[in-house]
N, C-alpha and C. Protein backbone atom coordinates (compact mmCIF):
# COMPACT_ATOMS: atom_id res chain seq x y z
N UNK A 1 -4.55 133.45 89.95
CA UNK A 1 -5.34 132.54 90.75
C UNK A 1 -4.97 130.92 90.37
N UNK A 2 -4.35 130.03 91.13
CA UNK A 2 -3.89 128.84 90.69
C UNK A 2 -5.15 127.94 91.09
N UNK A 3 -5.29 126.90 90.11
CA UNK A 3 -6.13 125.79 90.50
C UNK A 3 -5.66 124.55 90.33
N UNK A 4 -6.02 123.63 90.96
CA UNK A 4 -5.63 122.22 91.00
C UNK A 4 -6.60 121.58 90.01
N UNK A 5 -6.32 121.62 88.57
CA UNK A 5 -7.00 120.93 87.54
C UNK A 5 -6.03 120.19 86.71
N UNK A 6 -6.63 119.31 85.79
CA UNK A 6 -6.00 118.57 84.96
C UNK A 6 -5.40 119.22 83.89
N UNK A 7 -4.39 118.70 83.17
CA UNK A 7 -3.76 119.60 82.13
C UNK A 7 -4.67 119.73 80.87
N UNK A 8 -5.61 118.83 80.48
CA UNK A 8 -6.49 118.90 79.60
C UNK A 8 -7.50 120.21 79.96
N UNK A 9 -7.82 120.20 81.25
CA UNK A 9 -8.87 121.25 81.71
C UNK A 9 -8.33 122.47 81.57
N UNK A 10 -6.92 122.68 81.99
CA UNK A 10 -6.32 123.84 81.74
C UNK A 10 -6.23 124.52 80.21
N UNK A 11 -5.87 123.46 79.36
CA UNK A 11 -5.96 123.82 78.05
C UNK A 11 -7.34 124.30 77.47
N UNK A 12 -8.30 123.64 77.86
CA UNK A 12 -9.68 123.98 77.68
C UNK A 12 -10.06 125.45 78.24
N UNK A 13 -9.51 125.69 79.28
CA UNK A 13 -9.89 127.03 79.94
C UNK A 13 -9.17 128.12 79.24
N UNK A 14 -7.96 127.81 78.81
CA UNK A 14 -7.14 128.85 78.19
C UNK A 14 -7.69 129.20 76.93
N UNK A 15 -8.24 128.31 76.19
CA UNK A 15 -8.60 128.38 74.74
C UNK A 15 -9.80 129.23 74.80
N UNK A 16 -10.60 129.53 75.89
CA UNK A 16 -11.67 130.38 75.63
C UNK A 16 -11.54 131.64 76.36
N UNK A 17 -10.30 132.29 76.45
CA UNK A 17 -10.17 133.58 76.97
C UNK A 17 -10.65 134.74 75.99
N UNK A 18 -11.31 135.59 76.47
CA UNK A 18 -11.96 136.50 75.38
C UNK A 18 -11.04 137.26 74.55
N UNK A 19 -10.09 137.81 75.03
CA UNK A 19 -9.00 138.43 74.20
C UNK A 19 -8.57 137.46 72.97
N UNK A 20 -8.40 136.28 73.16
CA UNK A 20 -8.09 135.14 71.95
C UNK A 20 -9.27 135.16 71.07
N UNK A 21 -10.70 135.07 71.51
CA UNK A 21 -11.61 135.13 70.69
C UNK A 21 -11.80 136.55 69.90
N UNK A 22 -11.43 137.42 70.66
CA UNK A 22 -11.54 138.94 70.09
C UNK A 22 -10.73 139.00 68.55
N UNK A 23 -9.35 138.53 69.09
CA UNK A 23 -8.23 138.53 67.90
C UNK A 23 -8.68 137.64 66.87
N UNK A 24 -9.20 136.52 67.07
CA UNK A 24 -9.59 135.45 66.01
C UNK A 24 -10.75 136.30 65.30
N UNK A 25 -11.59 136.85 65.70
CA UNK A 25 -12.79 137.56 65.18
C UNK A 25 -12.15 138.72 64.32
N UNK A 26 -11.18 139.24 64.82
CA UNK A 26 -10.65 140.48 63.94
C UNK A 26 -9.96 140.15 62.96
N UNK A 27 -9.30 138.80 62.91
CA UNK A 27 -8.65 138.22 61.83
C UNK A 27 -9.48 137.88 60.72
N UNK A 28 -10.62 137.41 61.08
CA UNK A 28 -11.67 137.00 60.03
C UNK A 28 -12.50 138.16 59.43
N UNK A 29 -12.67 139.11 60.19
CA UNK A 29 -13.52 140.41 59.76
C UNK A 29 -12.85 141.62 59.22
N UNK A 30 -11.70 141.87 59.76
CA UNK A 30 -10.87 143.09 59.40
C UNK A 30 -9.66 142.66 58.62
N UNK A 31 -9.70 143.30 57.37
CA UNK A 31 -8.48 142.96 56.64
C UNK A 31 -7.55 144.18 56.68
N UNK A 32 -6.17 144.23 56.75
CA UNK A 32 -5.31 145.17 56.73
C UNK A 32 -5.47 146.26 57.62
N UNK A 33 -6.17 146.05 58.79
CA UNK A 33 -5.99 147.15 59.82
C UNK A 33 -5.69 146.71 60.91
N UNK A 34 -5.24 147.37 62.19
CA UNK A 34 -4.79 146.73 63.12
C UNK A 34 -6.00 146.32 64.02
N UNK A 35 -5.85 145.23 64.75
CA UNK A 35 -6.78 144.74 65.53
C UNK A 35 -6.90 145.35 67.07
N UNK A 36 -7.91 145.79 67.52
CA UNK A 36 -7.79 146.39 68.94
C UNK A 36 -8.54 145.90 69.87
N UNK A 37 -8.30 145.36 70.89
CA UNK A 37 -8.83 144.68 72.16
C UNK A 37 -8.82 145.61 73.36
N UNK A 38 -9.70 145.60 73.83
CA UNK A 38 -9.99 146.52 75.17
C UNK A 38 -10.51 145.49 76.37
N UNK A 39 -9.79 145.45 77.27
CA UNK A 39 -10.23 144.55 78.40
C UNK A 39 -9.95 145.09 79.95
N UNK A 40 -10.71 144.59 80.81
CA UNK A 40 -10.65 145.12 82.05
C UNK A 40 -9.87 144.35 83.08
N UNK A 41 -9.30 143.29 82.59
CA UNK A 41 -8.29 142.35 83.47
C UNK A 41 -7.00 142.56 82.72
N UNK A 42 -5.98 141.99 83.37
CA UNK A 42 -4.70 141.98 83.01
C UNK A 42 -4.63 140.78 81.99
N UNK A 43 -3.83 140.65 80.81
CA UNK A 43 -3.54 139.93 79.97
C UNK A 43 -2.92 138.71 80.60
N UNK A 44 -3.36 137.28 80.19
CA UNK A 44 -2.35 136.33 80.95
C UNK A 44 -1.40 136.01 80.02
N UNK A 45 -0.19 135.37 80.53
CA UNK A 45 0.96 135.01 79.78
C UNK A 45 0.63 134.16 78.37
N UNK A 46 -0.29 133.32 78.69
CA UNK A 46 -0.61 132.46 77.37
C UNK A 46 -1.33 133.36 76.24
N UNK A 47 -2.15 134.33 76.51
CA UNK A 47 -2.71 135.18 75.67
C UNK A 47 -1.71 136.23 75.07
N UNK A 48 -0.85 136.45 75.91
CA UNK A 48 0.23 137.37 75.63
C UNK A 48 1.12 136.81 74.47
N UNK A 49 1.49 135.41 74.78
CA UNK A 49 2.31 134.76 73.78
C UNK A 49 1.53 134.42 72.52
N UNK A 50 0.41 134.20 72.67
CA UNK A 50 -0.45 133.88 71.47
C UNK A 50 -0.55 135.12 70.70
N UNK A 51 -0.68 136.25 71.15
CA UNK A 51 -0.79 137.56 70.45
C UNK A 51 0.48 137.83 69.70
N UNK A 52 1.70 137.53 70.19
CA UNK A 52 2.88 137.77 69.66
C UNK A 52 2.96 136.82 68.40
N UNK A 53 2.60 135.70 68.49
CA UNK A 53 2.90 134.64 67.50
C UNK A 53 1.70 135.01 66.26
N UNK A 54 0.61 135.27 66.70
CA UNK A 54 -0.44 135.78 65.50
C UNK A 54 0.13 136.90 64.86
N UNK A 55 0.71 137.93 65.57
CA UNK A 55 1.14 139.19 64.93
C UNK A 55 2.09 139.06 63.90
N UNK A 56 3.09 137.90 64.31
CA UNK A 56 4.19 137.52 63.12
C UNK A 56 3.72 136.71 62.08
N UNK A 57 2.88 135.76 62.56
CA UNK A 57 2.30 134.79 61.44
C UNK A 57 1.41 135.38 60.45
N UNK A 58 0.59 136.31 60.87
CA UNK A 58 -0.42 136.88 60.08
C UNK A 58 -0.12 138.15 59.59
N UNK A 59 1.15 138.84 59.91
CA UNK A 59 1.54 140.06 59.70
C UNK A 59 0.55 141.18 59.86
N UNK A 60 0.17 141.12 61.31
CA UNK A 60 -0.91 142.08 61.57
C UNK A 60 -0.38 142.66 62.97
N UNK A 61 -0.92 144.23 63.22
CA UNK A 61 -0.53 144.72 64.30
C UNK A 61 -1.82 144.51 65.20
N UNK A 62 -1.49 144.16 66.61
CA UNK A 62 -2.61 143.98 67.49
C UNK A 62 -2.31 144.64 68.63
N UNK A 63 -3.29 145.57 69.09
CA UNK A 63 -3.15 146.49 70.12
C UNK A 63 -4.20 145.97 71.33
N UNK A 64 -3.59 145.53 72.52
CA UNK A 64 -4.43 145.23 73.55
C UNK A 64 -4.39 146.16 74.62
N UNK A 65 -5.48 146.67 75.17
CA UNK A 65 -5.54 147.50 76.35
C UNK A 65 -5.90 146.66 77.47
N UNK A 66 -4.95 146.35 78.54
CA UNK A 66 -5.31 145.77 79.63
C UNK A 66 -5.47 146.52 80.73
N UNK A 67 -5.69 146.03 81.91
CA UNK A 67 -5.86 146.83 83.09
C UNK A 67 -4.76 147.75 83.49
N UNK A 68 -3.49 147.43 82.98
CA UNK A 68 -2.18 148.10 83.40
C UNK A 68 -1.69 149.04 82.31
N UNK A 69 -1.80 148.39 81.01
CA UNK A 69 -1.12 149.29 79.78
C UNK A 69 -1.64 148.80 78.61
N UNK A 70 -0.99 149.42 77.64
CA UNK A 70 -1.39 149.06 76.09
C UNK A 70 -0.21 148.07 75.78
N UNK A 71 -0.55 147.07 75.11
CA UNK A 71 0.35 146.07 74.46
C UNK A 71 0.29 146.15 73.07
N UNK A 72 1.31 146.54 72.31
CA UNK A 72 1.32 146.79 70.89
C UNK A 72 2.05 145.65 70.42
N UNK A 73 1.45 144.63 69.60
CA UNK A 73 1.97 143.42 69.16
C UNK A 73 2.45 143.66 67.65
N UNK A 74 3.67 143.46 67.21
CA UNK A 74 3.89 143.66 65.73
C UNK A 74 5.15 142.80 65.53
N UNK A 75 5.01 142.06 64.50
CA UNK A 75 6.26 141.26 64.00
C UNK A 75 6.76 140.31 65.08
N UNK A 76 5.86 139.71 65.99
CA UNK A 76 6.14 139.03 66.86
C UNK A 76 6.71 139.46 68.23
N UNK A 77 6.63 140.79 68.36
CA UNK A 77 7.43 141.45 69.48
C UNK A 77 6.37 142.38 70.12
N UNK A 78 6.32 142.63 71.45
CA UNK A 78 5.40 143.28 72.36
C UNK A 78 6.16 144.63 72.84
N UNK A 79 5.23 145.78 72.68
CA UNK A 79 6.01 146.91 73.33
C UNK A 79 6.30 147.03 74.70
N UNK A 80 5.86 145.86 75.40
CA UNK A 80 6.20 145.74 76.99
C UNK A 80 7.42 145.16 77.19
N UNK A 81 7.96 144.55 76.14
CA UNK A 81 9.15 143.80 76.15
C UNK A 81 9.04 142.61 77.08
N UNK A 82 7.75 142.04 76.99
CA UNK A 82 7.46 140.82 77.89
C UNK A 82 7.62 141.08 79.46
N UNK A 83 7.34 142.44 79.84
CA UNK A 83 7.33 142.77 81.06
C UNK A 83 5.86 143.39 81.38
N UNK A 84 5.15 142.63 82.03
CA UNK A 84 3.72 143.14 82.29
C UNK A 84 3.16 142.72 83.71
């Protein structure tokens, strides 16, 4: 869904996606184990890119199950090869 909103509002809306919050929570509470997130919607392009970056920077495996498939993020790459 496309909205006609200002750039600042877009940034604010993207920062509150539940998968980003779940990954952040996993980073501060779970040490040395994969972070697993299950959601009932498709992952958006921004959250997908953020998960790739976090997996590379923090050297953590992140597994996200969205509406269509599993996404395994490791070393900055996703198992879907950026096709979702």
